[in-house]
Amino acid sequence: MNMQNLMMQAKKMQKDLEKAQSELESKVYEGKSQIVSVTVGGKGKLLSVSIDEEDLSSLDKEMLEDMFLVAVNSAIDKMEQDKNEKFGKYGQMFNGLM
């Protein structure tokens, strides 16, 4: 393979990576527990929290905090899974350096 082809492939890969990164950053991920729903942006920032007020009175503070953690972690897990699916093929190309 000559140097020109290698450079062209590298530029294409860079564009593909930038496109995938942009797509991921524009996505929103939702996480839920029993009465808590959250949304997390593709950059990992918590965007919103919603609590179902009907069931709120039967919960204590500690239980609500646990549900909040479950919902947030669920959304972040979805984001990470999506990220791994998008970038996994590139990581394998570089023996896991990405």
PDB file of N, CA and C in Angstrom:
ATOM      1  N   MET A   1       0.846  -1.176   0.000  1.00  0.00           N
ATOM      2  CA  MET A   1       0.000   0.000   0.000  1.00  0.00           C
ATOM      3  C   MET A   1       0.890   1.237   0.000  1.00  0.00           C
ATOM      4  N   ASN A   2       0.595   2.175  -0.883  1.00  0.00           N
ATOM      5  CA  ASN A   2       1.443   3.363  -0.933  1.00  0.00           C
ATOM      6  C   ASN A   2       1.010   4.418   0.083  1.00  0.00           C
ATOM      7  N   MET A   3       1.849   5.395   0.286  1.00  0.00           N
ATOM      8  CA  MET A   3       1.633   6.406   1.315  1.00  0.00           C
ATOM      9  C   MET A   3       0.390   7.252   1.035  1.00  0.00           C
ATOM     10  N   GLN A   4       0.129   7.532  -0.229  1.00  0.00           N
ATOM     11  CA  GLN A   4      -1.034   8.351  -0.581  1.00  0.00           C
ATOM     12  C   GLN A   4      -2.342   7.634  -0.197  1.00  0.00           C
ATOM     13  N   ASN A   5      -2.419   6.336  -0.493  1.00  0.00           N
ATOM     14  CA  ASN A   5      -3.607   5.571  -0.111  1.00  0.00           C
ATOM     15  C   ASN A   5      -3.768   5.510   1.399  1.00  0.00           C
ATOM     16  N   LEU A   6      -2.668   5.346   2.090  1.00  0.00           N
ATOM     17  CA  LEU A   6      -2.699   5.294   3.547  1.00  0.00           C
ATOM     18  C   LEU A   6      -3.205   6.615   4.121  1.00  0.00           C
ATOM     19  N   MET A   7      -2.756   7.726   3.582  1.00  0.00           N
ATOM     20  CA  MET A   7      -3.207   9.039   4.045  1.00  0.00           C
ATOM     21  C   MET A   7      -4.690   9.249   3.754  1.00  0.00           C
ATOM     22  N   MET A   8      -5.142   8.794   2.609  1.00  0.00           N
ATOM     23  CA  MET A   8      -6.562   8.916   2.255  1.00  0.00           C
ATOM     24  C   MET A   8      -7.418   8.098   3.224  1.00  0.00           C
ATOM     25  N   GLN A   9      -6.975   6.901   3.542  1.00  0.00           N
ATOM     26  CA  GLN A   9      -7.707   6.063   4.485  1.00  0.00           C
ATOM     27  C   GLN A   9      -7.730   6.688   5.875  1.00  0.00           C
ATOM     28  N   ALA A  10      -6.623   7.287   6.272  1.00  0.00           N
ATOM     29  CA  ALA A  10      -6.556   7.936   7.581  1.00  0.00           C
ATOM     30  C   ALA A  10      -7.512   9.134   7.647  1.00  0.00           C
ATOM     31  N   LYS A  11      -7.575   9.905   6.576  1.00  0.00           N
ATOM     32  CA  LYS A  11      -8.490  11.052   6.540  1.00  0.00           C
ATOM     33  C   LYS A  11      -9.941  10.586   6.582  1.00  0.00           C
ATOM     34  N   LYS A  12     -10.249   9.507   5.854  1.00  0.00           N
ATOM     35  CA  LYS A  12     -11.605   8.972   5.858  1.00  0.00           C
ATOM     36  C   LYS A  12     -11.969   8.484   7.263  1.00  0.00           C
ATOM     37  N   MET A  13     -11.036   7.804   7.909  1.00  0.00           N
ATOM     38  CA  MET A  13     -11.283   7.305   9.258  1.00  0.00           C
ATOM     39  C   MET A  13     -11.500   8.470  10.213  1.00  0.00           C
ATOM     40  N   GLN A  14     -10.742   9.521  10.062  1.00  0.00           N
ATOM     41  CA  GLN A  14     -10.902  10.689  10.921  1.00  0.00           C
ATOM     42  C   GLN A  14     -12.284  11.313  10.734  1.00  0.00           C
ATOM     43  N   LYS A  15     -12.724  11.436   9.488  1.00  0.00           N
ATOM     44  CA  LYS A  15     -14.062  11.974   9.220  1.00  0.00           C
ATOM     45  C   LYS A  15     -15.138  11.072   9.809  1.00  0.00           C
ATOM     46  N   ASP A  16     -14.968   9.764   9.659  1.00  0.00           N
ATOM     47  CA  ASP A  16     -15.938   8.817  10.221  1.00  0.00           C
ATOM     48  C   ASP A  16     -16.017   8.935  11.742  1.00  0.00           C
ATOM     49  N   LEU A  17     -14.863   9.059  12.378  1.00  0.00           N
ATOM     50  CA  LEU A  17     -14.825   9.207  13.835  1.00  0.00           C
ATOM     51  C   LEU A  17     -15.487  10.511  14.283  1.00  0.00           C
ATOM     52  N   GLU A  18     -15.226  11.590  13.565  1.00  0.00           N
ATOM     53  CA  GLU A  18     -15.824  12.873  13.905  1.00  0.00           C
ATOM     54  C   GLU A  18     -17.342  12.830  13.735  1.00  0.00           C
ATOM     55  N   LYS A  19     -17.796  12.177  12.678  1.00  0.00           N
ATOM     56  CA  LYS A  19     -19.235  12.047  12.435  1.00  0.00           C
ATOM     57  C   LYS A  19     -19.886  11.222  13.550  1.00  0.00           C
ATOM     58  N   ALA A  20     -19.271  10.092  13.887  1.00  0.00           N
ATOM     59  CA  ALA A  20     -19.812   9.239  14.947  1.00  0.00           C
ATOM     60  C   ALA A  20     -19.843   9.989  16.278  1.00  0.00           C
ATOM     61  N   GLN A  21     -18.799  10.741  16.584  1.00  0.00           N
ATOM     62  CA  GLN A  21     -18.747  11.512  17.823  1.00  0.00           C
ATOM     63  C   GLN A  21     -19.858  12.551  17.853  1.00  0.00           C
ATOM     64  N   SER A  22     -20.057  13.234  16.749  1.00  0.00           N
ATOM     65  CA  SER A  22     -21.111  14.238  16.660  1.00  0.00           C
ATOM     66  C   SER A  22     -22.493  13.615  16.838  1.00  0.00           C
ATOM     67  N   GLU A  23     -22.711  12.459  16.214  1.00  0.00           N
ATOM     68  CA  GLU A  23     -23.990  11.762  16.347  1.00  0.00           C
ATOM     69  C   GLU A  23     -24.254  11.379  17.809  1.00  0.00           C
ATOM     70  N   LEU A  24     -23.234  10.857  18.459  1.00  0.00           N
ATOM     71  CA  LEU A  24     -23.395  10.449  19.858  1.00  0.00           C
ATOM     72  C   LEU A  24     -23.674  11.638  20.766  1.00  0.00           C
ATOM     73  N   GLU A  25     -22.973  12.732  20.529  1.00  0.00           N
ATOM     74  CA  GLU A  25     -23.141  13.902  21.377  1.00  0.00           C
ATOM     75  C   GLU A  25     -24.528  14.520  21.233  1.00  0.00           C
ATOM     76  N   SER A  26     -25.186  14.311  20.100  1.00  0.00           N
ATOM     77  CA  SER A  26     -26.509  14.898  19.887  1.00  0.00           C
ATOM     78  C   SER A  26     -27.641  14.011  20.412  1.00  0.00           C
ATOM     79  N   LYS A  27     -27.325  12.795  20.825  1.00  0.00           N
ATOM     80  CA  LYS A  27     -28.350  11.873  21.317  1.00  0.00           C
ATOM     81  C   LYS A  27     -28.731  12.162  22.760  1.00  0.00           C
ATOM     82  N   VAL A  28     -29.912  11.678  23.125  1.00  0.00           N
ATOM     83  CA  VAL A  28     -30.413  11.774  24.492  1.00  0.00           C
ATOM     84  C   VAL A  28     -30.776  10.372  24.941  1.00  0.00           C
ATOM     85  N   TYR A  29     -30.366  10.021  26.153  1.00  0.00           N
ATOM     86  CA  TYR A  29     -30.596   8.687  26.701  1.00  0.00           C
ATOM     87  C   TYR A  29     -31.498   8.799  27.920  1.00  0.00           C
ATOM     88  N   GLU A  30     -32.470   7.886  28.009  1.00  0.00           N
ATOM     89  CA  GLU A  30     -33.409   7.907  29.115  1.00  0.00           C
ATOM     90  C   GLU A  30     -33.150   6.728  30.042  1.00  0.00           C
ATOM     91  N   GLY A  31     -33.222   6.994  31.327  1.00  0.00           N
ATOM     92  CA  GLY A  31     -33.112   5.955  32.335  1.00  0.00           C
ATOM     93  C   GLY A  31     -34.308   6.033  33.255  1.00  0.00           C
ATOM     94  N   LYS A  32     -34.768   4.871  33.721  1.00  0.00           N
ATOM     95  CA  LYS A  32     -35.952   4.845  34.584  1.00  0.00           C
ATOM     96  C   LYS A  32     -35.750   3.886  35.744  1.00  0.00           C
ATOM     97  N   SER A  33     -36.382   4.232  36.850  1.00  0.00           N
ATOM     98  CA  SER A  33     -36.566   3.296  37.946  1.00  0.00           C
ATOM     99  C   SER A  33     -38.062   3.330  38.251  1.00  0.00           C
ATOM    100  N   GLN A  34     -38.484   2.896  39.395  1.00  0.00           N
ATOM    101  CA  GLN A  34     -39.923   2.804  39.663  1.00  0.00           C
ATOM    102  C   GLN A  34     -40.665   4.118  39.460  1.00  0.00           C
ATOM    103  N   ILE A  35     -40.205   5.201  40.074  1.00  0.00           N
ATOM    104  CA  ILE A  35     -40.928   6.466  39.928  1.00  0.00           C
ATOM    105  C   ILE A  35     -40.052   7.602  39.405  1.00  0.00           C
ATOM    106  N   VAL A  36     -38.796   7.342  39.129  1.00  0.00           N
ATOM    107  CA  VAL A  36     -37.880   8.376  38.674  1.00  0.00           C
ATOM    108  C   VAL A  36     -37.487   8.119  37.220  1.00  0.00           C
ATOM    109  N   SER A  37     -37.568   9.181  36.420  1.00  0.00           N
ATOM    110  CA  SER A  37     -37.089   9.126  35.036  1.00  0.00           C
ATOM    111  C   SER A  37     -36.074  10.251  34.853  1.00  0.00           C
ATOM    112  N   VAL A  38     -34.999   9.962  34.142  1.00  0.00           N
ATOM    113  CA  VAL A  38     -33.990  10.980  33.863  1.00  0.00           C
ATOM    114  C   VAL A  38     -33.605  10.914  32.390  1.00  0.00           C
ATOM    115  N   THR A  39     -33.062  12.023  31.908  1.00  0.00           N
ATOM    116  CA  THR A  39     -32.461  12.020  30.576  1.00  0.00           C
ATOM    117  C   THR A  39     -31.038  12.536  30.709  1.00  0.00           C
ATOM    118  N   VAL A  40     -30.159  11.894  29.951  1.00  0.00           N
ATOM    119  CA  VAL A  40     -28.744  12.241  29.933  1.00  0.00           C
ATOM    120  C   VAL A  40     -28.367  12.522  28.493  1.00  0.00           C
ATOM    121  N   GLY A  41     -27.647  13.605  28.267  1.00  0.00           N
ATOM    122  CA  GLY A  41     -27.184  13.944  26.923  1.00  0.00           C
ATOM    123  C   GLY A  41     -25.989  13.099  26.539  1.00  0.00           C
ATOM    124  N   GLY A  42     -25.696  13.081  25.262  1.00  0.00           N
ATOM    125  CA  GLY A  42     -24.604  12.285  24.731  1.00  0.00           C
ATOM    126  C   GLY A  42     -23.227  12.664  25.244  1.00  0.00           C
ATOM    127  N   LYS A  43     -23.110  13.819  25.853  1.00  0.00           N
ATOM    128  CA  LYS A  43     -21.838  14.224  26.455  1.00  0.00           C
ATOM    129  C   LYS A  43     -21.760  13.816  27.918  1.00  0.00           C
ATOM    130  N   GLY A  44     -22.802  13.097  28.394  1.00  0.00           N
ATOM    131  CA  GLY A  44     -22.792  12.593  29.763  1.00  0.00           C
ATOM    132  C   GLY A  44     -23.378  13.540  30.788  1.00  0.00           C
ATOM    133  N   LYS A  45     -24.004  14.616  30.369  1.00  0.00           N
ATOM    134  CA  LYS A  45     -24.600  15.575  31.305  1.00  0.00           C
ATOM    135  C   LYS A  45     -26.055  15.211  31.583  1.00  0.00           C
ATOM    136  N   LEU A  46     -26.454  15.297  32.835  1.00  0.00           N
ATOM    137  CA  LEU A  46     -27.830  15.069  33.238  1.00  0.00           C
ATOM    138  C   LEU A  46     -28.664  16.240  32.737  1.00  0.00           C
ATOM    139  N   LEU A  47     -29.705  15.951  31.937  1.00  0.00           N
ATOM    140  CA  LEU A  47     -30.518  17.000  31.337  1.00  0.00           C
ATOM    141  C   LEU A  47     -31.826  17.248  32.078  1.00  0.00           C
ATOM    142  N   SER A  48     -32.449  16.172  32.556  1.00  0.00           N
ATOM    143  CA  SER A  48     -33.719  16.357  33.262  1.00  0.00           C
ATOM    144  C   SER A  48     -33.978  15.216  34.230  1.00  0.00           C
ATOM    145  N   VAL A  49     -34.810  15.535  35.220  1.00  0.00           N
ATOM    146  CA  VAL A  49     -35.237  14.561  36.215  1.00  0.00           C
ATOM    147  C   VAL A  49     -36.744  14.713  36.369  1.00  0.00           C
ATOM    148  N   SER A  50     -37.444  13.589  36.384  1.00  0.00           N
ATOM    149  CA  SER A  50     -38.886  13.609  36.583  1.00  0.00           C
ATOM    150  C   SER A  50     -39.245  12.575  37.645  1.00  0.00           C
ATOM    151  N   ILE A  51     -40.094  12.984  38.581  1.00  0.00           N
ATOM    152  CA  ILE A  51     -40.526  12.090  39.654  1.00  0.00           C
ATOM    153  C   ILE A  51     -42.048  11.982  39.601  1.00  0.00           C
ATOM    154  N   ASP A  52     -42.554  10.758  39.577  1.00  0.00           N
ATOM    155  CA  ASP A  52     -43.989  10.510  39.565  1.00  0.00           C
ATOM    156  C   ASP A  52     -44.545  10.825  40.960  1.00  0.00           C
ATOM    157  N   GLU A  53     -45.288  11.906  41.051  1.00  0.00           N
ATOM    158  CA  GLU A  53     -45.764  12.386  42.347  1.00  0.00           C
ATOM    159  C   GLU A  53     -46.783  11.460  43.010  1.00  0.00           C
ATOM    160  N   GLU A  54     -47.509  10.684  42.242  1.00  0.00           N
ATOM    161  CA  GLU A  54     -48.525   9.809  42.820  1.00  0.00           C
ATOM    162  C   GLU A  54     -47.927   8.816  43.809  1.00  0.00           C
ATOM    163  N   ASP A  55     -46.785   8.261  43.481  1.00  0.00           N
ATOM    164  CA  ASP A  55     -46.155   7.255  44.333  1.00  0.00           C
ATOM    165  C   ASP A  55     -45.126   7.846  45.291  1.00  0.00           C
ATOM    166  N   LEU A  56     -44.906   9.138  45.210  1.00  0.00           N
ATOM    167  CA  LEU A  56     -43.866   9.783  46.011  1.00  0.00           C
ATOM    168  C   LEU A  56     -44.147   9.712  47.516  1.00  0.00           C
ATOM    169  N   SER A  57     -45.380   9.846  47.905  1.00  0.00           N
ATOM    170  CA  SER A  57     -45.707   9.899  49.335  1.00  0.00           C
ATOM    171  C   SER A  57     -45.413   8.595  50.070  1.00  0.00           C
ATOM    172  N   SER A  58     -45.398   7.490  49.356  1.00  0.00           N
ATOM    173  CA  SER A  58     -45.162   6.208  50.018  1.00  0.00           C
ATOM    174  C   SER A  58     -43.670   5.872  50.169  1.00  0.00           C
ATOM    175  N   LEU A  59     -42.793   6.724  49.671  1.00  0.00           N
ATOM    176  CA  LEU A  59     -41.352   6.456  49.716  1.00  0.00           C
ATOM    177  C   LEU A  59     -40.650   7.307  50.758  1.00  0.00           C
ATOM    178  N   ASP A  60     -39.610   6.760  51.325  1.00  0.00           N
ATOM    179  CA  ASP A  60     -38.774   7.566  52.192  1.00  0.00           C
ATOM    180  C   ASP A  60     -37.627   8.160  51.370  1.00  0.00           C
ATOM    181  N   LYS A  61     -36.913   9.083  51.967  1.00  0.00           N
ATOM    182  CA  LYS A  61     -35.837   9.805  51.282  1.00  0.00           C
ATOM    183  C   LYS A  61     -34.774   8.856  50.735  1.00  0.00           C
ATOM    184  N   GLU A  62     -34.361   7.901  51.518  1.00  0.00           N
ATOM    185  CA  GLU A  62     -33.304   6.970  51.113  1.00  0.00           C
ATOM    186  C   GLU A  62     -33.723   6.137  49.899  1.00  0.00           C
ATOM    187  N   MET A  63     -34.962   5.696  49.886  1.00  0.00           N
ATOM    188  CA  MET A  63     -35.462   4.897  48.776  1.00  0.00           C
ATOM    189  C   MET A  63     -35.521   5.741  47.490  1.00  0.00           C
ATOM    190  N   LEU A  64     -35.937   6.998  47.617  1.00  0.00           N
ATOM    191  CA  LEU A  64     -35.991   7.899  46.465  1.00  0.00           C
ATOM    192  C   LEU A  64     -34.592   8.146  45.913  1.00  0.00           C
ATOM    193  N   GLU A  65     -33.633   8.336  46.788  1.00  0.00           N
ATOM    194  CA  GLU A  65     -32.251   8.539  46.354  1.00  0.00           C
ATOM    195  C   GLU A  65     -31.740   7.315  45.592  1.00  0.00           C
ATOM    196  N   ASP A  66     -32.065   6.130  46.080  1.00  0.00           N
ATOM    197  CA  ASP A  66     -31.658   4.896  45.393  1.00  0.00           C
ATOM    198  C   ASP A  66     -32.286   4.810  44.005  1.00  0.00           C
ATOM    199  N   MET A  67     -33.561   5.167  43.905  1.00  0.00           N
ATOM    200  CA  MET A  67     -34.237   5.132  42.606  1.00  0.00           C
ATOM    201  C   MET A  67     -33.624   6.136  41.641  1.00  0.00           C
ATOM    202  N   PHE A  68     -33.237   7.280  42.164  1.00  0.00           N
ATOM    203  CA  PHE A  68     -32.573   8.294  41.347  1.00  0.00           C
ATOM    204  C   PHE A  68     -31.260   7.756  40.794  1.00  0.00           C
ATOM    205  N   LEU A  69     -30.478   7.113  41.648  1.00  0.00           N
ATOM    206  CA  LEU A  69     -29.205   6.530  41.203  1.00  0.00           C
ATOM    207  C   LEU A  69     -29.414   5.457  40.135  1.00  0.00           C
ATOM    208  N   VAL A  70     -30.407   4.613  40.332  1.00  0.00           N
ATOM    209  CA  VAL A  70     -30.699   3.561  39.353  1.00  0.00           C
ATOM    210  C   VAL A  70     -31.045   4.174  38.009  1.00  0.00           C
ATOM    211  N   ALA A  71     -31.885   5.195  38.001  1.00  0.00           N
ATOM    212  CA  ALA A  71     -32.307   5.824  36.753  1.00  0.00           C
ATOM    213  C   ALA A  71     -31.132   6.492  36.041  1.00  0.00           C
ATOM    214  N   VAL A  72     -30.315   7.233  36.782  1.00  0.00           N
ATOM    215  CA  VAL A  72     -29.164   7.915  36.173  1.00  0.00           C
ATOM    216  C   VAL A  72     -28.166   6.904  35.623  1.00  0.00           C
ATOM    217  N   ASN A  73     -27.851   5.896  36.415  1.00  0.00           N
ATOM    218  CA  ASN A  73     -26.893   4.892  35.951  1.00  0.00           C
ATOM    219  C   ASN A  73     -27.415   4.125  34.741  1.00  0.00           C
ATOM    220  N   SER A  74     -28.701   3.903  34.673  1.00  0.00           N
ATOM    221  CA  SER A  74     -29.303   3.227  33.526  1.00  0.00           C
ATOM    222  C   SER A  74     -29.110   4.054  32.254  1.00  0.00           C
ATOM    223  N   ALA A  75     -29.362   5.349  32.337  1.00  0.00           N
ATOM    224  CA  ALA A  75     -29.179   6.226  31.176  1.00  0.00           C
ATOM    225  C   ALA A  75     -27.712   6.284  30.757  1.00  0.00           C
ATOM    226  N   ILE A  76     -26.813   6.382  31.726  1.00  0.00           N
ATOM    227  CA  ILE A  76     -25.381   6.437  31.416  1.00  0.00           C
ATOM    228  C   ILE A  76     -24.912   5.123  30.800  1.00  0.00           C
ATOM    229  N   ASP A  77     -25.417   4.008  31.299  1.00  0.00           N
ATOM    230  CA  ASP A  77     -25.071   2.702  30.719  1.00  0.00           C
ATOM    231  C   ASP A  77     -25.488   2.623  29.257  1.00  0.00           C
ATOM    232  N   LYS A  78     -26.687   3.129  28.938  1.00  0.00           N
ATOM    233  CA  LYS A  78     -27.158   3.132  27.552  1.00  0.00           C
ATOM    234  C   LYS A  78     -26.248   3.984  26.678  1.00  0.00           C
ATOM    235  N   MET A  79     -25.841   5.141  27.201  1.00  0.00           N
ATOM    236  CA  MET A  79     -24.944   6.019  26.468  1.00  0.00           C
ATOM    237  C   MET A  79     -23.604   5.327  26.209  1.00  0.00           C
ATOM    238  N   GLU A  80     -23.049   4.696  27.223  1.00  0.00           N
ATOM    239  CA  GLU A  80     -21.761   4.002  27.087  1.00  0.00           C
ATOM    240  C   GLU A  80     -21.854   2.831  26.104  1.00  0.00           C
ATOM    241  N   GLN A  81     -22.956   2.112  26.152  1.00  0.00           N
ATOM    242  CA  GLN A  81     -23.142   0.995  25.222  1.00  0.00           C
ATOM    243  C   GLN A  81     -23.191   1.498  23.783  1.00  0.00           C
ATOM    244  N   ASP A  82     -23.907   2.591  23.563  1.00  0.00           N
ATOM    245  CA  ASP A  82     -23.991   3.182  22.229  1.00  0.00           C
ATOM    246  C   ASP A  82     -22.608   3.637  21.760  1.00  0.00           C
ATOM    247  N   LYS A  83     -21.862   4.246  22.669  1.00  0.00           N
ATOM    248  CA  LYS A  83     -20.507   4.710  22.364  1.00  0.00           C
ATOM    249  C   LYS A  83     -19.602   3.537  21.987  1.00  0.00           C
ATOM    250  N   ASN A  84     -19.689   2.459  22.749  1.00  0.00           N
ATOM    251  CA  ASN A  84     -18.868   1.280  22.455  1.00  0.00           C
ATOM    252  C   ASN A  84     -19.229   0.653  21.119  1.00  0.00           C
ATOM    253  N   GLU A  85     -20.525   0.659  20.776  1.00  0.00           N
ATOM    254  CA  GLU A  85     -20.944   0.114  19.481  1.00  0.00           C
ATOM    255  C   GLU A  85     -20.404   0.956  18.335  1.00  0.00           C
ATOM    256  N   LYS A  86     -20.422   2.287  18.503  1.00  0.00           N
ATOM    257  CA  LYS A  86     -19.956   3.188  17.439  1.00  0.00           C
ATOM    258  C   LYS A  86     -18.445   3.139  17.268  1.00  0.00           C
ATOM    259  N   PHE A  87     -17.727   3.110  18.386  1.00  0.00           N
ATOM    260  CA  PHE A  87     -16.274   3.230  18.318  1.00  0.00           C
ATOM    261  C   PHE A  87     -15.533   1.914  18.496  1.00  0.00           C
ATOM    262  N   GLY A  88     -16.238   0.847  18.792  1.00  0.00           N
ATOM    263  CA  GLY A  88     -15.592  -0.434  19.023  1.00  0.00           C
ATOM    264  C   GLY A  88     -14.749  -0.909  17.862  1.00  0.00           C
ATOM    265  N   LYS A  89     -15.249  -0.713  16.656  1.00  0.00           N
ATOM    266  CA  LYS A  89     -14.501  -1.175  15.486  1.00  0.00           C
ATOM    267  C   LYS A  89     -13.183  -0.423  15.330  1.00  0.00           C
ATOM    268  N   TYR A  90     -13.163   0.848  15.729  1.00  0.00           N
ATOM    269  CA  TYR A  90     -11.928   1.613  15.623  1.00  0.00           C
ATOM    270  C   TYR A  90     -10.947   1.217  16.719  1.00  0.00           C
ATOM    271  N   GLY A  91     -11.472   0.910  17.878  1.00  0.00           N
ATOM    272  CA  GLY A  91     -10.616   0.474  18.979  1.00  0.00           C
ATOM    273  C   GLY A  91      -9.902  -0.810  18.654  1.00  0.00           C
ATOM    274  N   GLN A  92     -10.603  -1.719  17.958  1.00  0.00           N
ATOM    275  CA  GLN A  92      -9.994  -2.995  17.576  1.00  0.00           C
ATOM    276  C   GLN A  92      -8.885  -2.769  16.554  1.00  0.00           C
ATOM    277  N   MET A  93      -9.056  -1.770  15.700  1.00  0.00           N
ATOM    278  CA  MET A  93      -8.026  -1.476  14.700  1.00  0.00           C
ATOM    279  C   MET A  93      -6.714  -1.070  15.355  1.00  0.00           C
ATOM    280  N   PHE A  94      -6.830  -0.405  16.515  1.00  0.00           N
ATOM    281  CA  PHE A  94      -5.643   0.092  17.195  1.00  0.00           C
ATOM    282  C   PHE A  94      -5.327  -0.728  18.435  1.00  0.00           C
ATOM    283  N   ASN A  95      -5.745  -1.980  18.436  1.00  0.00           N
ATOM    284  CA  ASN A  95      -5.482  -2.897  19.544  1.00  0.00           C
ATOM    285  C   ASN A  95      -5.948  -2.360  20.882  1.00  0.00           C
ATOM    286  N   GLY A  96      -7.130  -1.699  20.881  1.00  0.00           N
ATOM    287  CA  GLY A  96      -7.714  -1.232  22.125  1.00  0.00           C
ATOM    288  C   GLY A  96      -7.135   0.050  22.683  1.00  0.00           C
ATOM    289  N   LEU A  97      -6.382   0.796  21.901  1.00  0.00           N
ATOM    290  CA  LEU A  97      -5.797   2.029  22.393  1.00  0.00           C
ATOM    291  C   LEU A  97      -6.803   3.160  22.491  1.00  0.00           C
ATOM    292  N   MET A  98      -7.961   3.041  21.860  1.00  0.00           N
ATOM    293  CA  MET A  98      -8.969   4.105  21.907  1.00  0.00           C
ATOM    294  C   MET A  98      -9.954   3.821  22.999  1.00  0.00           C
TER     295      MET A  98
END
